[in-house]
Amino acid sequence: MSNVFSAIRRIRLGGTRAFAVVWFGQVISFIGSGMTFFALGVWVYQKTNSITQFALISLLTMLPRVVLGPLVGTLVDRWDRRQAMLLSDVGGGLSILFIILLIMTDRLEFWHIFLSVLLTGACDALRWPALSAATTQLVPKEQFGRASGLLQIVSAGMVLVSPLVAGALLGPIGLQGVILVDFVTFLFALFTLLLIRIPRPAITAEGQAGKGSLLHETVYGWKYITGRTGLLALLVFLSIASFLTEMTYVLFTPMLLSFASTAELGVAMSLGGIGYLAGGVIMSVWGGAKRRINGVIVFMLLMGLFLALIGLRASIPLVTLSLFLCLLCYPITLGSNQAIWQAKVAPDVQGRVFAIRGAITLATPLLADLVTGPLADNVFEPLLAVNGPLAGSVGQIVGVGAGRGSGLLFISAGLFLMLMTAISYLYPRLRLVEDELPDIVTEEPVMVEAGSPVVTVAAN
């Protein structure tokens, strides 16, 4: 066994080849995780017939990234990032193994599933900032856009491929078989991580200023963002956009089912997922606009337009095409945004900065989940009821009856997103964020091997 590990150490890859290997491993692992979440959700719903219990799985998946994100981001900056990713995969694999053993002994209960999902979410809270920060160390600056597009494909695979595969496998091999496949994907991801090396980032002046206790270093991540007005404006902008898009995500299924069949819903959502995947592929090939903030603004404007078109009429072709185009724009927007942060944030503090950014942008969808239902049911749907206040005016354009209030909320969210994007672009700190903030990351990653003398890198 020692000879095997010695051989692995000798062939460890670095640079873009290492990124390709770890990316492929994470694609497989996230598809496996998505299969498990889908299968467990189906199992819980079939046992309880409770939408609340079903939704709790999604909530517990995201909650650790919101609550634990800033803390684990600091740990990512303190630890070797490859080891952080290894720890995340080991923890996720053990939580899955825990469920497999309970199924085999016929002792699985609901609280076991919720606990496992919570632990897996905690591991993901460690994995995402480690993966994002490691990308900066492995990929040259001019390739950040393409790398960000590839990372969006990881998410697309989890959303698009996982339900299809899990749904096909649940019948033949059952819940235990699907989760066992997930466990194998964790092992595969672990193996790919053993094949790569991710040298520690060089210590920057910013990183040195953030040294201290765990609490101090965690708080420094937030101070780093607030001390750079352009990045703070970008964070606020993306957080509001995340809130608006989550509102429409919550409404999409009930709105469509008000005039379409479940089969038509499935086709629309599948094509939307294909759009998201296509957007990630386009970003990975293209790399985004040369001026990345323009990429964020232009594709966010297009997203707002397509969101509004989704709600405009009760038309399956219009809704499906608009959803496809909207989700095609989304990974291009996120990839362009990520490339800005990678270039402008010091590599040795990226773990905590990215984790705090992620916690905030994930917290806003949770808020949207709370307010969207009551807002649609108590405000927008009554407005466009058959004899509602807007039936004779707006209703002549978008229609009246069940689901048309949700359509109006889609239109409102899309138009507000476009308006907010235009106003945000007029704010000089956001528009000029790439000019006013120096690139901390050089053309080629500057790295320090573990145990090597410290190298201090100043901003360019």
Protein backbone atom coordinates (compact mmCIF):
# COMPACT_ATOMS: atom_id res chain seq x y z
CA MET A 1 0.00 0.00 0.00
CA SER A 2 2.84 2.41 0.78
CA ASN A 3 4.23 1.76 -2.71
CA VAL A 4 0.89 2.76 -4.21
CA PHE A 5 0.84 6.07 -2.34
CA SER A 6 4.48 6.69 -3.28
CA ALA A 7 3.59 6.19 -6.92
CA ILE A 8 0.65 8.58 -6.63
CA ARG A 9 2.87 11.22 -5.06
CA ARG A 10 5.35 10.92 -7.95
CA ILE A 11 2.69 11.55 -10.61
CA ARG A 12 0.90 14.41 -8.87
CA LEU A 13 -0.14 17.04 -11.36
CA GLY A 14 -0.03 20.79 -10.99
CA GLY A 15 -1.34 23.82 -12.88
CA THR A 16 -4.16 23.61 -15.40
CA ARG A 17 -3.82 19.83 -15.70
CA ALA A 18 -4.45 19.56 -11.97
CA PHE A 19 -7.50 21.80 -12.32
CA ALA A 20 -8.85 19.58 -15.11
CA VAL A 21 -8.42 16.47 -12.96
CA VAL A 22 -10.00 17.95 -9.83
CA TRP A 23 -12.81 19.50 -11.89
CA PHE A 24 -13.69 16.14 -13.42
CA GLY A 25 -13.64 14.48 -10.01
CA GLN A 26 -15.93 17.14 -8.57
CA VAL A 27 -18.35 16.88 -11.51
CA ILE A 28 -18.75 13.15 -10.83
CA SER A 29 -18.99 13.70 -7.06
CA PHE A 30 -21.62 16.45 -7.30
CA ILE A 31 -23.72 14.39 -9.70
CA GLY A 32 -23.60 11.59 -7.11
CA SER A 33 -24.58 13.99 -4.32
CA GLY A 34 -27.46 15.32 -6.39
CA MET A 35 -28.66 11.75 -6.96
CA THR A 36 -28.72 11.12 -3.23
CA PHE A 37 -30.58 14.36 -2.44
CA PHE A 38 -33.15 13.54 -5.13
CA ALA A 39 -33.61 9.94 -3.97
CA LEU A 40 -33.87 10.89 -0.29
CA GLY A 41 -36.38 13.61 -1.11
CA VAL A 42 -38.53 11.15 -3.04
CA TRP A 43 -38.29 8.61 -0.19
CA VAL A 44 -39.28 11.17 2.44
CA TYR A 45 -42.19 12.48 0.37
CA GLN A 46 -43.48 8.98 -0.38
CA LYS A 47 -43.35 8.10 3.32
CA THR A 48 -44.88 11.31 4.66
CA ASN A 49 -46.75 12.91 1.74
CA SER A 50 -45.52 16.18 3.28
CA ILE A 51 -44.16 19.01 1.12
CA THR A 52 -42.75 20.61 4.27
CA GLN A 53 -40.66 17.53 5.07
CA PHE A 54 -39.58 17.37 1.43
CA ALA A 55 -38.55 21.04 1.38
CA LEU A 56 -36.63 20.59 4.64
CA ILE A 57 -34.00 18.56 2.79
CA SER A 58 -33.19 21.50 0.49
CA LEU A 59 -33.14 23.89 3.45
CA LEU A 60 -30.74 21.69 5.46
CA THR A 61 -28.49 21.38 2.41
CA MET A 62 -28.02 25.15 2.12
CA LEU A 63 -28.16 26.15 5.79
CA PRO A 64 -24.60 25.05 6.75
CA ARG A 65 -23.13 27.13 3.93
CA VAL A 66 -24.92 30.19 5.30
CA VAL A 67 -24.17 29.59 8.99
CA LEU A 68 -20.74 27.93 8.81
CA GLY A 69 -19.47 29.53 5.59
CA PRO A 70 -17.42 32.40 7.10
CA LEU A 71 -15.77 30.11 9.67
CA VAL A 72 -14.84 27.31 7.28
CA GLY A 73 -13.61 29.88 4.77
CA THR A 74 -11.07 31.01 7.35
CA LEU A 75 -10.01 27.41 7.88
CA VAL A 76 -9.54 27.03 4.13
CA ASP A 77 -7.06 29.94 4.23
CA ARG A 78 -5.25 28.37 7.18
CA TRP A 79 -5.09 24.84 5.79
CA ASP A 80 -3.72 23.28 2.65
CA ARG A 81 -6.60 23.61 0.18
CA ARG A 82 -6.20 20.12 -1.23
CA GLN A 83 -6.43 18.72 2.29
CA ALA A 84 -9.54 20.83 2.93
CA MET A 85 -11.17 19.31 -0.15
CA LEU A 86 -10.05 15.83 0.91
CA LEU A 87 -11.58 16.38 4.34
CA SER A 88 -14.82 17.56 2.74
CA ASP A 89 -15.06 14.47 0.52
CA VAL A 90 -14.20 12.12 3.37
CA GLY A 91 -16.87 13.71 5.57
CA GLY A 92 -19.45 13.55 2.80
CA GLY A 93 -18.59 9.93 2.04
CA LEU A 94 -18.92 8.94 5.70
CA SER A 95 -22.34 10.59 6.00
CA ILE A 96 -23.48 8.62 2.95
CA LEU A 97 -22.01 5.41 4.33
CA PHE A 98 -23.96 6.07 7.53
CA ILE A 99 -27.23 6.08 5.54
CA ILE A 100 -26.27 2.92 3.62
CA LEU A 101 -25.64 1.02 6.86
CA LEU A 102 -28.97 2.16 8.31
CA ILE A 103 -30.82 1.00 5.20
CA MET A 104 -29.06 -2.37 5.28
CA THR A 105 -30.08 -2.88 8.92
CA ASP A 106 -33.62 -1.56 8.27
CA ARG A 107 -33.19 1.21 10.86
CA LEU A 108 -33.45 4.29 8.66
CA GLU A 109 -35.64 7.05 10.10
CA PHE A 110 -36.40 10.59 9.00
CA TRP A 111 -34.12 12.24 11.53
CA HIS A 112 -31.22 10.12 10.24
CA ILE A 113 -31.76 11.56 6.77
CA PHE A 114 -31.99 15.13 8.03
CA LEU A 115 -28.80 14.67 10.07
CA SER A 116 -26.94 13.16 7.09
CA VAL A 117 -28.06 15.95 4.78
CA LEU A 118 -26.99 18.54 7.35
CA LEU A 119 -23.54 16.95 7.65
CA THR A 120 -23.19 16.74 3.88
CA GLY A 121 -24.14 20.41 3.65
CA ALA A 122 -21.44 21.24 6.21
CA CYS A 123 -18.90 19.38 4.06
CA ASP A 124 -20.05 21.33 1.01
CA ALA A 125 -19.59 24.54 3.02
CA LEU A 126 -15.92 23.58 3.22
CA ARG A 127 -15.61 22.24 -0.32
CA TRP A 128 -16.87 25.23 -2.34
CA PRO A 129 -14.54 27.96 -0.98
CA ALA A 130 -11.63 25.50 -1.08
CA LEU A 131 -12.39 24.63 -4.71
CA SER A 132 -12.86 28.28 -5.72
CA ALA A 133 -9.67 29.41 -3.98
CA ALA A 134 -7.70 26.44 -5.35
CA THR A 135 -8.76 27.39 -8.88
CA THR A 136 -6.94 30.71 -8.49
CA GLN A 137 -3.74 28.81 -7.68
CA LEU A 138 -4.02 26.40 -10.58
CA VAL A 139 -5.26 28.53 -13.47
CA PRO A 140 -3.60 31.59 -15.09
CA LYS A 141 -5.50 34.86 -14.67
CA GLU A 142 -6.50 35.10 -18.33
CA GLN A 143 -8.26 31.71 -17.98
CA PHE A 144 -10.36 32.63 -14.92
CA GLY A 145 -13.48 33.13 -17.02
CA ARG A 146 -13.20 29.72 -18.65
CA ALA A 147 -12.48 28.04 -15.32
CA SER A 148 -15.51 29.74 -13.78
CA GLY A 149 -17.63 28.45 -16.65
CA LEU A 150 -16.41 24.93 -15.95
CA LEU A 151 -17.34 25.32 -12.28
CA GLN A 152 -20.85 26.33 -13.37
CA ILE A 153 -21.03 23.03 -15.27
CA VAL A 154 -20.45 21.27 -11.93
CA SER A 155 -23.65 22.87 -10.61
CA ALA A 156 -25.49 22.21 -13.87
CA GLY A 157 -24.61 18.52 -13.69
CA MET A 158 -26.05 18.32 -10.18
CA VAL A 159 -29.27 20.05 -11.24
CA LEU A 160 -29.76 18.47 -14.68
CA VAL A 161 -28.09 15.06 -14.71
CA SER A 162 -28.64 13.90 -11.13
CA PRO A 163 -32.48 13.76 -11.15
CA LEU A 164 -32.51 11.98 -14.51
CA VAL A 165 -30.01 9.33 -13.43
CA ALA A 166 -31.46 8.88 -9.95
CA GLY A 167 -34.99 8.65 -11.32
CA ALA A 168 -33.91 5.95 -13.77
CA LEU A 169 -32.02 3.97 -11.11
CA LEU A 170 -34.49 4.17 -8.22
CA GLY A 171 -36.73 1.50 -9.69
CA PRO A 172 -34.08 -1.12 -10.59
CA ILE A 173 -31.68 -0.71 -7.64
CA GLY A 174 -33.70 1.20 -5.04
CA LEU A 175 -32.67 3.87 -2.55
CA GLN A 176 -29.77 1.81 -1.21
CA GLY A 177 -28.33 1.30 -4.69
CA VAL A 178 -28.54 4.99 -5.61
CA ILE A 179 -26.78 6.02 -2.40
CA LEU A 180 -24.12 3.34 -2.95
CA VAL A 181 -23.44 4.88 -6.39
CA ASP A 182 -22.99 8.23 -4.64
CA PHE A 183 -20.51 6.67 -2.24
CA VAL A 184 -18.48 5.40 -5.21
CA THR A 185 -18.44 8.92 -6.68
CA PHE A 186 -16.99 10.24 -3.40
CA LEU A 187 -14.23 7.63 -3.63
CA PHE A 188 -13.53 8.69 -7.22
CA ALA A 189 -13.27 12.36 -6.20
CA LEU A 190 -10.88 11.39 -3.39
CA PHE A 191 -8.69 9.52 -5.87
CA THR A 192 -8.50 12.52 -8.22
CA LEU A 193 -7.44 14.74 -5.33
CA LEU A 194 -4.61 12.34 -4.53
CA LEU A 195 -3.32 12.83 -8.08
CA ILE A 196 -2.90 16.62 -7.83
CA ARG A 197 -0.94 19.15 -5.86
CA ILE A 198 -2.13 22.60 -4.87
CA PRO A 199 0.81 24.60 -3.49
CA ARG A 200 0.03 27.18 -0.85
CA PRO A 201 -0.53 30.74 -2.12
CA ALA A 202 2.12 33.35 -1.56
CA ILE A 203 1.55 35.54 1.48
CA THR A 204 0.34 38.99 0.47
CA ALA A 205 0.30 42.21 2.47
CA GLU A 206 -3.47 41.78 2.79
CA GLY A 207 -3.10 38.25 4.09
CA GLN A 208 -0.49 39.34 6.62
CA ALA A 209 -2.81 42.10 7.88
CA GLY A 210 -5.55 39.52 8.41
CA LYS A 211 -3.48 37.25 10.64
CA GLY A 212 -4.70 36.65 14.18
CA SER A 213 -7.23 34.61 16.06
CA LEU A 214 -9.84 32.54 14.24
CA LEU A 215 -12.48 35.19 14.99
CA HIS A 216 -10.21 38.02 13.85
CA GLU A 217 -9.39 36.26 10.58
CA THR A 218 -13.06 35.50 9.95
CA VAL A 219 -14.12 39.10 10.57
CA TYR A 220 -11.24 40.28 8.39
CA GLY A 221 -12.89 38.56 5.42
CA TRP A 222 -15.89 40.85 5.81
CA LYS A 223 -13.68 43.89 6.40
CA TYR A 224 -11.76 43.03 3.23
CA ILE A 225 -14.99 43.27 1.23
CA THR A 226 -16.34 46.41 2.91
CA GLY A 227 -12.97 48.09 2.50
CA ARG A 228 -13.30 47.76 -1.27
CA THR A 229 -16.46 49.59 -2.27
CA GLY A 230 -16.54 48.11 -5.76
CA LEU A 231 -16.57 44.54 -4.45
CA LEU A 232 -19.18 45.42 -1.82
CA ALA A 233 -21.40 46.98 -4.50
CA LEU A 234 -20.98 43.86 -6.64
CA LEU A 235 -21.92 41.65 -3.68
CA VAL A 236 -25.06 43.70 -2.90
CA PHE A 237 -26.04 43.71 -6.57
CA LEU A 238 -25.68 39.92 -6.95
CA SER A 239 -27.47 39.31 -3.63
CA ILE A 240 -30.54 41.28 -4.71
CA ALA A 241 -30.46 39.49 -8.06
CA SER A 242 -30.28 36.17 -6.22
CA PHE A 243 -33.34 37.15 -4.18
CA LEU A 244 -35.34 38.01 -7.29
CA THR A 245 -34.37 34.90 -9.23
CA GLU A 246 -35.20 32.66 -6.24
CA MET A 247 -38.66 34.23 -6.04
CA THR A 248 -39.33 33.24 -9.64
CA TYR A 249 -37.86 29.77 -9.08
CA VAL A 250 -40.34 29.16 -6.24
CA LEU A 251 -43.23 30.37 -8.41
CA PHE A 252 -42.35 28.59 -11.63
CA THR A 253 -43.90 25.18 -10.94
CA PRO A 254 -47.27 26.41 -9.57
CA MET A 255 -47.53 29.08 -12.28
CA LEU A 256 -46.91 26.62 -15.09
CA LEU A 257 -49.21 23.97 -13.65
CA SER A 258 -52.03 26.52 -13.66
CA PHE A 259 -52.28 26.08 -17.45
CA ALA A 260 -50.01 23.15 -18.37
CA SER A 261 -49.65 19.44 -17.64
CA THR A 262 -46.97 17.87 -15.49
CA ALA A 263 -45.41 16.43 -18.66
CA GLU A 264 -45.13 19.92 -20.14
CA LEU A 265 -43.65 21.15 -16.85
CA GLY A 266 -41.03 18.40 -17.01
CA VAL A 267 -40.10 19.31 -20.58
CA ALA A 268 -39.82 23.02 -19.72
CA MET A 269 -37.64 22.38 -16.66
CA SER A 270 -35.44 19.91 -18.57
CA LEU A 271 -34.86 22.42 -21.37
CA GLY A 272 -34.16 25.07 -18.76
CA GLY A 273 -31.52 22.81 -17.26
CA ILE A 274 -30.03 22.27 -20.71
CA GLY A 275 -29.90 26.06 -21.08
CA TYR A 276 -27.94 26.33 -17.83
CA LEU A 277 -25.54 23.64 -18.99
CA ALA A 278 -25.15 25.33 -22.37
CA GLY A 279 -24.37 28.63 -20.66
CA GLY A 280 -21.63 26.96 -18.63
CA VAL A 281 -20.18 25.39 -21.77
CA ILE A 282 -20.27 28.74 -23.61
CA MET A 283 -18.51 30.46 -20.71
CA SER A 284 -15.86 27.72 -20.48
CA VAL A 285 -15.10 28.02 -24.20
CA TRP A 286 -15.48 31.78 -24.62
CA GLY A 287 -14.08 32.93 -21.28
CA GLY A 288 -16.45 35.89 -21.06
CA ALA A 289 -16.20 39.51 -22.12
CA LYS A 290 -12.75 41.11 -21.96
CA ARG A 291 -14.22 43.67 -19.58
CA ARG A 292 -15.89 41.29 -17.15
CA ILE A 293 -18.17 43.77 -15.42
CA ASN A 294 -19.79 44.37 -18.81
CA GLY A 295 -20.44 40.64 -19.02
CA VAL A 296 -22.14 40.73 -15.62
CA ILE A 297 -24.32 43.71 -16.54
CA VAL A 298 -25.31 42.70 -20.09
CA PHE A 299 -26.27 39.14 -19.23
CA MET A 300 -28.08 40.23 -16.07
CA LEU A 301 -30.15 42.65 -18.18
CA LEU A 302 -30.98 39.77 -20.54
CA MET A 303 -31.94 37.59 -17.58
CA GLY A 304 -34.38 40.26 -16.38
CA LEU A 305 -35.90 40.48 -19.85
CA PHE A 306 -36.40 36.72 -20.12
CA LEU A 307 -37.83 36.52 -16.60
CA ALA A 308 -40.44 39.10 -17.57
CA LEU A 309 -41.26 37.17 -20.76
CA ILE A 310 -41.83 33.98 -18.73
CA GLY A 311 -44.73 35.65 -16.96
CA LEU A 312 -46.11 37.58 -19.94
CA ARG A 313 -48.54 34.99 -21.31
CA ALA A 314 -49.86 31.54 -20.44
CA SER A 315 -47.99 30.04 -23.37
CA ILE A 316 -45.89 26.87 -23.16
CA PRO A 317 -43.58 27.77 -26.11
CA LEU A 318 -42.98 31.29 -24.76
CA VAL A 319 -42.35 30.13 -21.20
CA THR A 320 -40.06 27.28 -22.26
CA LEU A 321 -37.96 29.36 -24.66
CA SER A 322 -37.68 32.24 -22.17
CA LEU A 323 -36.63 29.88 -19.37
CA PHE A 324 -34.00 28.30 -21.62
CA LEU A 325 -32.53 31.69 -22.55
CA CYS A 326 -32.71 33.00 -18.97
CA LEU A 327 -30.81 30.03 -17.56
CA LEU A 328 -28.33 30.18 -20.44
CA CYS A 329 -27.41 33.70 -19.31
CA TYR A 330 -27.10 32.80 -15.63
CA PRO A 331 -23.77 30.88 -15.63
CA ILE A 332 -22.22 33.51 -17.90
CA THR A 333 -23.19 36.18 -15.37
CA LEU A 334 -21.90 34.15 -12.42
CA GLY A 335 -18.70 33.16 -14.25
CA SER A 336 -17.90 36.78 -15.13
CA ASN A 337 -18.54 37.82 -11.54
CA GLN A 338 -16.33 35.03 -10.18
CA ALA A 339 -13.46 36.01 -12.50
CA ILE A 340 -13.54 39.56 -11.09
CA TRP A 341 -13.33 38.33 -7.51
CA GLN A 342 -10.52 35.90 -8.32
CA ALA A 343 -8.40 38.65 -9.83
CA LYS A 344 -9.12 41.33 -7.20
CA VAL A 345 -8.99 39.32 -3.95
CA ALA A 346 -5.62 38.34 -2.46
CA PRO A 347 -5.17 34.55 -2.94
CA ASP A 348 -4.32 33.87 0.70
CA VAL A 349 -7.62 35.38 1.93
CA GLN A 350 -9.87 34.06 -0.83
CA GLY A 351 -11.18 31.19 1.29
CA ARG A 352 -12.82 33.44 3.87
CA VAL A 353 -13.84 36.16 1.38
CA PHE A 354 -15.48 33.69 -1.00
CA ALA A 355 -17.19 31.89 1.89
CA ILE A 356 -18.66 35.13 3.27
CA ARG A 357 -19.79 36.13 -0.21
CA GLY A 358 -21.38 32.71 -0.66
CA ALA A 359 -23.11 32.86 2.73
CA ILE A 360 -24.71 36.20 1.90
CA THR A 361 -25.81 35.24 -1.62
CA LEU A 362 -27.30 32.00 -0.27
CA ALA A 363 -29.07 33.74 2.64
CA THR A 364 -31.10 35.96 0.30
CA PRO A 365 -32.79 32.97 -1.44
CA LEU A 366 -33.80 31.64 1.98
CA LEU A 367 -35.51 34.98 2.63
CA ALA A 368 -37.17 34.79 -0.78
CA ASP A 369 -38.52 31.34 0.07
CA LEU A 370 -40.25 32.83 3.12
CA VAL A 371 -41.92 35.82 1.44
CA THR A 372 -42.74 34.58 -2.06
CA GLY A 373 -45.68 32.33 -1.19
CA PRO A 374 -47.57 34.86 0.95
CA LEU A 375 -46.80 37.65 -1.54
CA ALA A 376 -48.17 35.63 -4.47
CA ASP A 377 -51.20 34.25 -2.61
CA ASN A 378 -52.28 37.40 -0.78
CA VAL A 379 -51.26 40.20 -3.16
CA PHE A 380 -50.55 39.27 -6.77
CA GLU A 381 -53.05 36.46 -7.35
CA PRO A 382 -56.03 38.51 -6.06
CA LEU A 383 -54.98 41.40 -8.32
CA LEU A 384 -55.52 39.25 -11.42
CA ALA A 385 -58.44 37.16 -10.25
CA VAL A 386 -61.37 37.08 -12.68
CA ASN A 387 -62.91 40.18 -11.10
CA GLY A 388 -59.71 41.45 -9.50
CA PRO A 389 -58.58 45.11 -9.38
CA LEU A 390 -56.27 44.72 -12.40
CA ALA A 391 -58.40 42.31 -14.43
CA GLY A 392 -59.64 45.04 -16.76
CA SER A 393 -56.24 46.66 -17.34
CA VAL A 394 -53.13 44.54 -16.89
CA GLY A 395 -55.28 41.43 -17.16
CA GLN A 396 -56.05 42.30 -20.80
CA ILE A 397 -52.35 41.74 -21.55
CA VAL A 398 -51.22 38.93 -19.24
CA GLY A 399 -54.57 37.21 -18.71
CA VAL A 400 -56.70 36.60 -15.63
CA GLY A 401 -57.40 33.66 -13.39
CA ALA A 402 -55.29 31.15 -11.48
CA GLY A 403 -51.57 31.57 -12.02
CA ARG A 404 -51.74 34.96 -13.71
CA GLY A 405 -50.88 36.75 -10.48
CA SER A 406 -47.70 34.67 -10.33
CA GLY A 407 -47.09 35.67 -13.95
CA LEU A 408 -47.38 39.32 -12.94
CA LEU A 409 -44.88 38.71 -10.16
CA PHE A 410 -42.51 37.21 -12.76
CA ILE A 411 -42.91 40.33 -14.89
CA SER A 412 -42.38 42.61 -11.89
CA ALA A 413 -39.26 40.72 -10.78
CA GLY A 414 -37.82 40.77 -14.31
CA LEU A 415 -38.45 44.48 -14.83
CA PHE A 416 -37.10 45.33 -11.38
CA LEU A 417 -33.98 43.26 -12.11
CA MET A 418 -33.44 45.19 -15.34
CA LEU A 419 -33.99 48.53 -13.60
CA MET A 420 -31.68 47.61 -10.72
CA THR A 421 -28.99 46.46 -13.17
CA ALA A 422 -29.16 49.71 -15.13
CA ILE A 423 -29.00 51.81 -11.96
CA SER A 424 -26.13 49.73 -10.59
CA TYR A 425 -24.13 50.30 -13.76
CA LEU A 426 -24.48 54.05 -13.24
CA TYR A 427 -22.71 53.70 -9.87
CA PRO A 428 -19.04 54.43 -10.66
CA ARG A 429 -17.59 52.15 -7.97
CA LEU A 430 -19.30 49.12 -9.49
CA ARG A 431 -18.85 50.10 -13.13
CA LEU A 432 -15.14 50.83 -12.64
CA VAL A 433 -14.39 48.01 -10.18
CA GLU A 434 -11.85 46.47 -12.57
CA ASP A 435 -10.06 49.81 -13.04
CA GLU A 436 -10.06 51.09 -9.47
CA LEU A 437 -9.02 47.85 -7.76
CA PRO A 438 -5.60 46.47 -8.68
CA ASP A 439 -5.21 42.88 -9.82
CA ILE A 440 -3.77 41.00 -6.86
CA VAL A 441 -3.36 37.85 -8.94
CA THR A 442 -0.63 37.95 -11.56
CA GLU A 443 -0.77 36.42 -15.05
CA GLU A 444 0.64 33.15 -13.73
CA PRO A 445 -0.26 31.87 -10.23
CA VAL A 446 2.38 32.74 -7.64
CA MET A 447 2.69 29.79 -5.30
CA VAL A 448 4.70 28.71 -2.29
CA GLU A 449 5.31 25.06 -1.59
CA ALA A 450 4.60 23.94 1.95
CA GLY A 451 7.69 24.47 4.01
CA SER A 452 9.21 27.00 1.64
CA PRO A 453 10.29 30.49 2.72
CA VAL A 454 7.54 33.08 2.79
CA VAL A 455 7.19 35.28 -0.26
CA THR A 456 5.32 38.57 0.11
CA VAL A 457 3.45 39.77 -2.95
CA ALA A 458 2.20 43.32 -3.21
CA ALA A 459 -0.69 44.41 -5.37
CA ASN A 460 0.19 45.18 -8.97
